Amino acid sequence: MGFSPLLANIALAALDEHFDQQWRELMGTNRRRATRKRKGLGNWRIVRFADDFVLMVSGDRHHAEAVQSIKGKVREKANRSTLHHTLDELVNSLNRTLRGWANHFRYGVSKQVFHAIDHITWRRIAKWLHNKNSRLKWSELRRRFCRPGTWIIDHNGVVFTGASSVKVTRYRYRGNTIPTPWTPKPAVTAIGA
């Protein structure tokens, strides 16, 4: 048996106030967040939406683990043991994996990371093609497997789009501006008194 949306909102409103106060005290300015980052501490922010919330974390360890995780998945999919697959199967599989990973991380400052992951993945695909096609030369790889005049992998209508195809969305924190029954109302002043 779960909470009703009304009870969830009441509980989350109290949680909101608690974490908002903590955030203002510990991470309320750029300087405080930079100091925490230098000390190896993560910075976080809670974002509310209706009766749900998302915890956004920015920190070195979390970032590094996420990047290592996706690099490992790319390595698994594009290695010598998968040479029996077609290029189309490999690219479709990598596109799905990268799109899913990028959709999860698109709410942070991720654009440069997405491009870096795409570059790493492109190199893995090129190495995979090189191994599959008896030491293929770069010029031959570009002619056979890329869009004419570019290095974009496009074979049989299957295009490598990667993580960069996911639009990065910035959250606009509105926690203090969402009215609640507990929001204090501004005092009304009498004119001419």
C-alpha atoms as a PDB file:
ATOM      1  CA  MET A   1       0.000   0.000   0.000  1.00  0.00           C
ATOM      2  CA  GLY A   2       1.494   3.349  -1.066  1.00  0.00           C
ATOM      3  CA  PHE A   3       1.067   6.953  -0.067  1.00  0.00           C
ATOM      4  CA  SER A   4      -1.596   9.065  -1.653  1.00  0.00           C
ATOM      5  CA  PRO A   5      -0.273  12.008  -3.723  1.00  0.00           C
ATOM      6  CA  LEU A   6      -1.574  14.433  -1.076  1.00  0.00           C
ATOM      7  CA  LEU A   7       0.321  12.689   1.741  1.00  0.00           C
ATOM      8  CA  ALA A   8       3.408  12.430  -0.451  1.00  0.00           C
ATOM      9  CA  ASN A   9       3.255  16.192  -1.129  1.00  0.00           C
ATOM     10  CA  ILE A  10       2.930  16.958   2.581  1.00  0.00           C
ATOM     11  CA  ALA A  11       5.904  14.739   3.426  1.00  0.00           C
ATOM     12  CA  LEU A  12       7.968  16.103   0.526  1.00  0.00           C
ATOM     13  CA  ALA A  13       7.176  19.713   1.504  1.00  0.00           C
ATOM     14  CA  ALA A  14       8.826  19.144   4.887  1.00  0.00           C
ATOM     15  CA  LEU A  15      11.722  17.366   3.192  1.00  0.00           C
ATOM     16  CA  ASP A  16      12.021  20.290   0.759  1.00  0.00           C
ATOM     17  CA  GLU A  17      12.295  22.828   3.565  1.00  0.00           C
ATOM     18  CA  HIS A  18      14.892  20.775   5.428  1.00  0.00           C
ATOM     19  CA  PHE A  19      17.145  20.216   2.408  1.00  0.00           C
ATOM     20  CA  ASP A  20      16.682  23.744   1.082  1.00  0.00           C
ATOM     21  CA  GLN A  21      17.912  25.147   4.400  1.00  0.00           C
ATOM     22  CA  GLN A  22      20.861  22.726   4.380  1.00  0.00           C
ATOM     23  CA  TRP A  23      21.665  23.623   0.770  1.00  0.00           C
ATOM     24  CA  ARG A  24      21.614  27.377   1.522  1.00  0.00           C
ATOM     25  CA  GLU A  25      23.917  26.907   4.530  1.00  0.00           C
ATOM     26  CA  LEU A  26      26.405  24.497   2.910  1.00  0.00           C
ATOM     27  CA  MET A  27      26.251  25.132  -0.859  1.00  0.00           C
ATOM     28  CA  GLY A  28      24.337  28.387  -1.319  1.00  0.00           C
ATOM     29  CA  THR A  29      27.108  30.269  -3.149  1.00  0.00           C
ATOM     30  CA  ASN A  30      29.517  29.414  -5.961  1.00  0.00           C
ATOM     31  CA  ARG A  31      32.396  29.860  -3.533  1.00  0.00           C
ATOM     32  CA  ARG A  32      30.981  27.332  -1.055  1.00  0.00           C
ATOM     33  CA  ARG A  33      30.330  24.801  -3.821  1.00  0.00           C
ATOM     34  CA  ALA A  34      33.869  25.283  -5.190  1.00  0.00           C
ATOM     35  CA  THR A  35      35.324  24.775  -1.697  1.00  0.00           C
ATOM     36  CA  ARG A  36      33.348  21.564  -1.256  1.00  0.00           C
ATOM     37  CA  LYS A  37      34.511  20.360  -4.671  1.00  0.00           C
ATOM     38  CA  ARG A  38      38.175  21.093  -3.795  1.00  0.00           C
ATOM     39  CA  LYS A  39      37.766  19.057  -0.603  1.00  0.00           C
ATOM     40  CA  GLY A  40      36.362  16.128  -2.604  1.00  0.00           C
ATOM     41  CA  LEU A  41      32.828  16.600  -1.282  1.00  0.00           C
ATOM     42  CA  GLY A  42      29.855  16.352  -3.610  1.00  0.00           C
ATOM     43  CA  ASN A  43      27.360  19.120  -4.229  1.00  0.00           C
ATOM     44  CA  TRP A  44      23.703  18.209  -4.460  1.00  0.00           C
ATOM     45  CA  ARG A  45      20.335  19.715  -5.114  1.00  0.00           C
ATOM     46  CA  ILE A  46      16.827  18.303  -4.756  1.00  0.00           C
ATOM     47  CA  VAL A  47      14.388  19.119  -7.544  1.00  0.00           C
ATOM     48  CA  ARG A  48      10.686  18.570  -6.907  1.00  0.00           C
ATOM     49  CA  PHE A  49       8.042  17.776  -9.471  1.00  0.00           C
ATOM     50  CA  ALA A  50       4.495  17.159  -8.237  1.00  0.00           C
ATOM     51  CA  ASP A  51       4.710  14.260  -5.766  1.00  0.00           C
ATOM     52  CA  ASP A  52       8.157  13.144  -6.931  1.00  0.00           C
ATOM     53  CA  PHE A  53      11.715  14.414  -6.601  1.00  0.00           C
ATOM     54  CA  VAL A  54      15.126  14.022  -8.238  1.00  0.00           C
ATOM     55  CA  LEU A  55      18.396  14.239  -6.352  1.00  0.00           C
ATOM     56  CA  MET A  56      21.059  15.792  -8.579  1.00  0.00           C
ATOM     57  CA  VAL A  57      24.643  15.211  -7.465  1.00  0.00           C
ATOM     58  CA  SER A  58      27.786  16.814  -8.806  1.00  0.00           C
ATOM     59  CA  GLY A  59      31.043  15.383  -7.596  1.00  0.00           C
ATOM     60  CA  ASP A  60      34.248  13.859  -8.834  1.00  0.00           C
ATOM     61  CA  ARG A  61      33.688  10.252  -7.705  1.00  0.00           C
ATOM     62  CA  HIS A  62      30.099  10.067  -8.981  1.00  0.00           C
ATOM     63  CA  HIS A  63      31.127  11.609 -12.313  1.00  0.00           C
ATOM     64  CA  ALA A  64      34.120   9.309 -12.740  1.00  0.00           C
ATOM     65  CA  GLU A  65      32.103   6.186 -11.911  1.00  0.00           C
ATOM     66  CA  ALA A  66      29.402   7.110 -14.440  1.00  0.00           C
ATOM     67  CA  VAL A  67      31.936   7.730 -17.210  1.00  0.00           C
ATOM     68  CA  GLN A  68      33.865   4.522 -16.420  1.00  0.00           C
ATOM     69  CA  SER A  69      30.591   2.594 -16.431  1.00  0.00           C
ATOM     70  CA  ILE A  70      29.614   3.671 -19.961  1.00  0.00           C
ATOM     71  CA  LYS A  71      33.157   3.228 -21.268  1.00  0.00           C
ATOM     72  CA  GLY A  72      33.075  -0.344 -19.958  1.00  0.00           C
ATOM     73  CA  LYS A  73      29.777  -1.016 -21.725  1.00  0.00           C
ATOM     74  CA  VAL A  74      31.149   0.380 -24.996  1.00  0.00           C
ATOM     75  CA  ARG A  75      34.257  -1.792 -24.600  1.00  0.00           C
ATOM     76  CA  GLU A  76      32.085  -4.893 -24.046  1.00  0.00           C
ATOM     77  CA  LYS A  77      29.999  -4.251 -27.155  1.00  0.00           C
ATOM     78  CA  ALA A  78      32.865  -3.330 -29.507  1.00  0.00           C
ATOM     79  CA  ASN A  79      35.558  -5.917 -28.916  1.00  0.00           C
ATOM     80  CA  ARG A  80      36.997  -8.931 -30.711  1.00  0.00           C
ATOM     81  CA  SER A  81      34.377 -11.297 -29.293  1.00  0.00           C
ATOM     82  CA  THR A  82      31.609  -9.379 -31.124  1.00  0.00           C
ATOM     83  CA  LEU A  83      33.221  -9.411 -34.572  1.00  0.00           C
ATOM     84  CA  HIS A  84      30.565 -11.889 -35.763  1.00  0.00           C
ATOM     85  CA  HIS A  85      27.926  -9.106 -35.534  1.00  0.00           C
ATOM     86  CA  THR A  86      27.273  -6.769 -38.452  1.00  0.00           C
ATOM     87  CA  LEU A  87      28.242  -3.098 -38.232  1.00  0.00           C
ATOM     88  CA  ASP A  88      24.536  -2.192 -38.285  1.00  0.00           C
ATOM     89  CA  GLU A  89      23.857  -4.389 -35.230  1.00  0.00           C
ATOM     90  CA  LEU A  90      26.829  -2.909 -33.377  1.00  0.00           C
ATOM     91  CA  VAL A  91      25.901   0.712 -34.144  1.00  0.00           C
ATOM     92  CA  ASN A  92      22.228   0.171 -33.230  1.00  0.00           C
ATOM     93  CA  SER A  93      23.230  -1.473 -29.957  1.00  0.00           C
ATOM     94  CA  LEU A  94      25.708   1.294 -29.079  1.00  0.00           C
ATOM     95  CA  ASN A  95      23.218   4.029 -30.015  1.00  0.00           C
ATOM     96  CA  ARG A  96      20.588   2.490 -27.707  1.00  0.00           C
ATOM     97  CA  THR A  97      23.041   2.115 -24.823  1.00  0.00           C
ATOM     98  CA  LEU A  98      24.496   5.614 -25.171  1.00  0.00           C
ATOM     99  CA  ARG A  99      21.065   7.222 -25.592  1.00  0.00           C
ATOM    100  CA  GLY A 100      19.794   5.507 -22.433  1.00  0.00           C
ATOM    101  CA  TRP A 101      22.866   6.541 -20.442  1.00  0.00           C
ATOM    102  CA  ALA A 102      22.715  10.106 -21.769  1.00  0.00           C
ATOM    103  CA  ASN A 103      18.996  10.416 -20.984  1.00  0.00           C
ATOM    104  CA  HIS A 104      19.816   9.549 -17.379  1.00  0.00           C
ATOM    105  CA  PHE A 105      22.589  12.184 -17.129  1.00  0.00           C
ATOM    106  CA  ARG A 106      21.157  14.897 -19.384  1.00  0.00           C
ATOM    107  CA  TYR A 107      20.045  17.073 -16.460  1.00  0.00           C
ATOM    108  CA  GLY A 108      23.579  17.887 -15.402  1.00  0.00           C
ATOM    109  CA  VAL A 109      26.257  19.838 -17.182  1.00  0.00           C
ATOM    110  CA  SER A 110      26.904  17.015 -19.622  1.00  0.00           C
ATOM    111  CA  LYS A 111      27.407  18.264 -23.184  1.00  0.00           C
ATOM    112  CA  GLN A 112      31.230  18.052 -23.169  1.00  0.00           C
ATOM    113  CA  VAL A 113      31.159  14.656 -21.460  1.00  0.00           C
ATOM    114  CA  PHE A 114      28.701  13.359 -24.077  1.00  0.00           C
ATOM    115  CA  HIS A 115      31.013  14.505 -26.889  1.00  0.00           C
ATOM    116  CA  ALA A 116      34.023  12.884 -25.181  1.00  0.00           C
ATOM    117  CA  ILE A 117      32.121   9.578 -24.796  1.00  0.00           C
ATOM    118  CA  ASP A 118      31.075   9.758 -28.466  1.00  0.00           C
ATOM    119  CA  HIS A 119      34.709  10.297 -29.487  1.00  0.00           C
ATOM    120  CA  ILE A 120      35.830   7.280 -27.425  1.00  0.00           C
ATOM    121  CA  THR A 121      32.998   5.186 -28.888  1.00  0.00           C
ATOM    122  CA  TRP A 122      33.806   6.259 -32.457  1.00  0.00           C
ATOM    123  CA  ARG A 123      37.425   5.159 -31.900  1.00  0.00           C
ATOM    124  CA  ARG A 124      36.222   1.791 -30.551  1.00  0.00           C
ATOM    125  CA  ILE A 125      33.991   1.287 -33.619  1.00  0.00           C
ATOM    126  CA  ALA A 126      36.891   2.186 -35.924  1.00  0.00           C
ATOM    127  CA  LYS A 127      39.152  -0.297 -34.110  1.00  0.00           C
ATOM    128  CA  TRP A 128      36.390  -2.936 -34.313  1.00  0.00           C
ATOM    129  CA  LEU A 129      36.071  -2.321 -38.095  1.00  0.00           C
ATOM    130  CA  HIS A 130      39.851  -2.452 -38.434  1.00  0.00           C
ATOM    131  CA  ASN A 131      39.922  -5.891 -36.740  1.00  0.00           C
ATOM    132  CA  LYS A 132      36.878  -7.217 -38.622  1.00  0.00           C
ATOM    133  CA  ASN A 133      38.102  -6.154 -42.065  1.00  0.00           C
ATOM    134  CA  SER A 134      41.703  -7.405 -42.080  1.00  0.00           C
ATOM    135  CA  ARG A 135      43.577  -4.281 -41.032  1.00  0.00           C
ATOM    136  CA  LEU A 136      41.505  -1.758 -42.940  1.00  0.00           C
ATOM    137  CA  LYS A 137      43.268   1.533 -43.827  1.00  0.00           C
ATOM    138  CA  TRP A 138      41.758   4.833 -42.630  1.00  0.00           C
ATOM    139  CA  SER A 139      40.996   5.986 -46.159  1.00  0.00           C
ATOM    140  CA  GLU A 140      39.201   2.714 -46.930  1.00  0.00           C
ATOM    141  CA  LEU A 141      37.254   2.864 -43.633  1.00  0.00           C
ATOM    142  CA  ARG A 142      36.085   6.388 -44.456  1.00  0.00           C
ATOM    143  CA  ARG A 143      35.109   5.467 -48.030  1.00  0.00           C
ATOM    144  CA  ARG A 144      33.198   2.289 -47.103  1.00  0.00           C
ATOM    145  CA  PHE A 145      31.597   3.087 -43.750  1.00  0.00           C
ATOM    146  CA  CYS A 146      31.257   6.861 -43.398  1.00  0.00           C
ATOM    147  CA  ARG A 147      29.060   9.536 -44.913  1.00  0.00           C
ATOM    148  CA  PRO A 148      30.763  10.969 -48.019  1.00  0.00           C
ATOM    149  CA  GLY A 149      33.196  13.727 -47.067  1.00  0.00           C
ATOM    150  CA  THR A 150      32.781  13.176 -43.299  1.00  0.00           C
ATOM    151  CA  TRP A 151      33.874  10.815 -40.538  1.00  0.00           C
ATOM    152  CA  ILE A 152      30.275  10.128 -39.433  1.00  0.00           C
ATOM    153  CA  ILE A 153      29.679   6.372 -39.439  1.00  0.00           C
ATOM    154  CA  ASP A 154      26.695   5.750 -41.726  1.00  0.00           C
ATOM    155  CA  HIS A 155      26.334   2.260 -43.128  1.00  0.00           C
ATOM    156  CA  ASN A 156      23.195   0.832 -44.762  1.00  0.00           C
ATOM    157  CA  GLY A 157      21.194   3.762 -43.400  1.00  0.00           C
ATOM    158  CA  VAL A 158      22.279   3.150 -39.787  1.00  0.00           C
ATOM    159  CA  VAL A 159      24.030   6.245 -38.431  1.00  0.00           C
ATOM    160  CA  PHE A 160      26.130   6.440 -35.279  1.00  0.00           C
ATOM    161  CA  THR A 161      24.454   9.194 -33.244  1.00  0.00           C
ATOM    162  CA  GLY A 162      25.828   8.474 -29.783  1.00  0.00           C
ATOM    163  CA  ALA A 163      25.190  10.326 -26.533  1.00  0.00           C
ATOM    164  CA  SER A 164      25.402  13.770 -28.153  1.00  0.00           C
ATOM    165  CA  SER A 165      22.081  13.172 -29.884  1.00  0.00           C
ATOM    166  CA  VAL A 166      20.349  13.600 -26.487  1.00  0.00           C
ATOM    167  CA  LYS A 167      19.426  17.185 -25.719  1.00  0.00           C
ATOM    168  CA  VAL A 168      20.903  18.438 -22.440  1.00  0.00           C
ATOM    169  CA  THR A 169      18.188  19.936 -20.225  1.00  0.00           C
ATOM    170  CA  ARG A 170      18.965  22.345 -17.431  1.00  0.00           C
ATOM    171  CA  TYR A 171      16.686  22.216 -14.422  1.00  0.00           C
ATOM    172  CA  ARG A 172      15.391  25.548 -13.264  1.00  0.00           C
ATOM    173  CA  TYR A 173      15.099  25.201  -9.506  1.00  0.00           C
ATOM    174  CA  ARG A 174      11.680  26.443  -8.404  1.00  0.00           C
ATOM    175  CA  GLY A 175      11.454  24.893  -4.943  1.00  0.00           C
ATOM    176  CA  ASN A 176      11.093  28.245  -3.191  1.00  0.00           C
ATOM    177  CA  THR A 177       8.529  29.609  -5.644  1.00  0.00           C
ATOM    178  CA  ILE A 178       6.092  26.692  -5.726  1.00  0.00           C
ATOM    179  CA  PRO A 179       3.214  27.738  -3.451  1.00  0.00           C
ATOM    180  CA  THR A 180       2.359  25.421  -0.593  1.00  0.00           C
ATOM    181  CA  PRO A 181      -0.161  25.755   2.222  1.00  0.00           C
ATOM    182  CA  TRP A 182       2.793  26.657   4.489  1.00  0.00           C
ATOM    183  CA  THR A 183       4.184  29.444   2.276  1.00  0.00           C
ATOM    184  CA  PRO A 184       4.039  32.668   4.310  1.00  0.00           C
ATOM    185  CA  LYS A 185       1.931  35.345   2.669  1.00  0.00           C
ATOM    186  CA  PRO A 186       3.471  38.852   2.397  1.00  0.00           C
ATOM    187  CA  ALA A 187       2.065  41.367   4.879  1.00  0.00           C
ATOM    188  CA  VAL A 188      -0.344  43.935   3.426  1.00  0.00           C
ATOM    189  CA  THR A 189       0.538  47.511   4.278  1.00  0.00           C
ATOM    190  CA  ALA A 190      -2.082  50.247   4.485  1.00  0.00           C
ATOM    191  CA  ILE A 191      -1.554  53.215   2.156  1.00  0.00           C
ATOM    192  CA  GLY A 192      -1.550  56.645   3.789  1.00  0.00           C
ATOM    193  CA  ALA A 193      -1.519  55.355   7.352  1.00  0.00           C
END
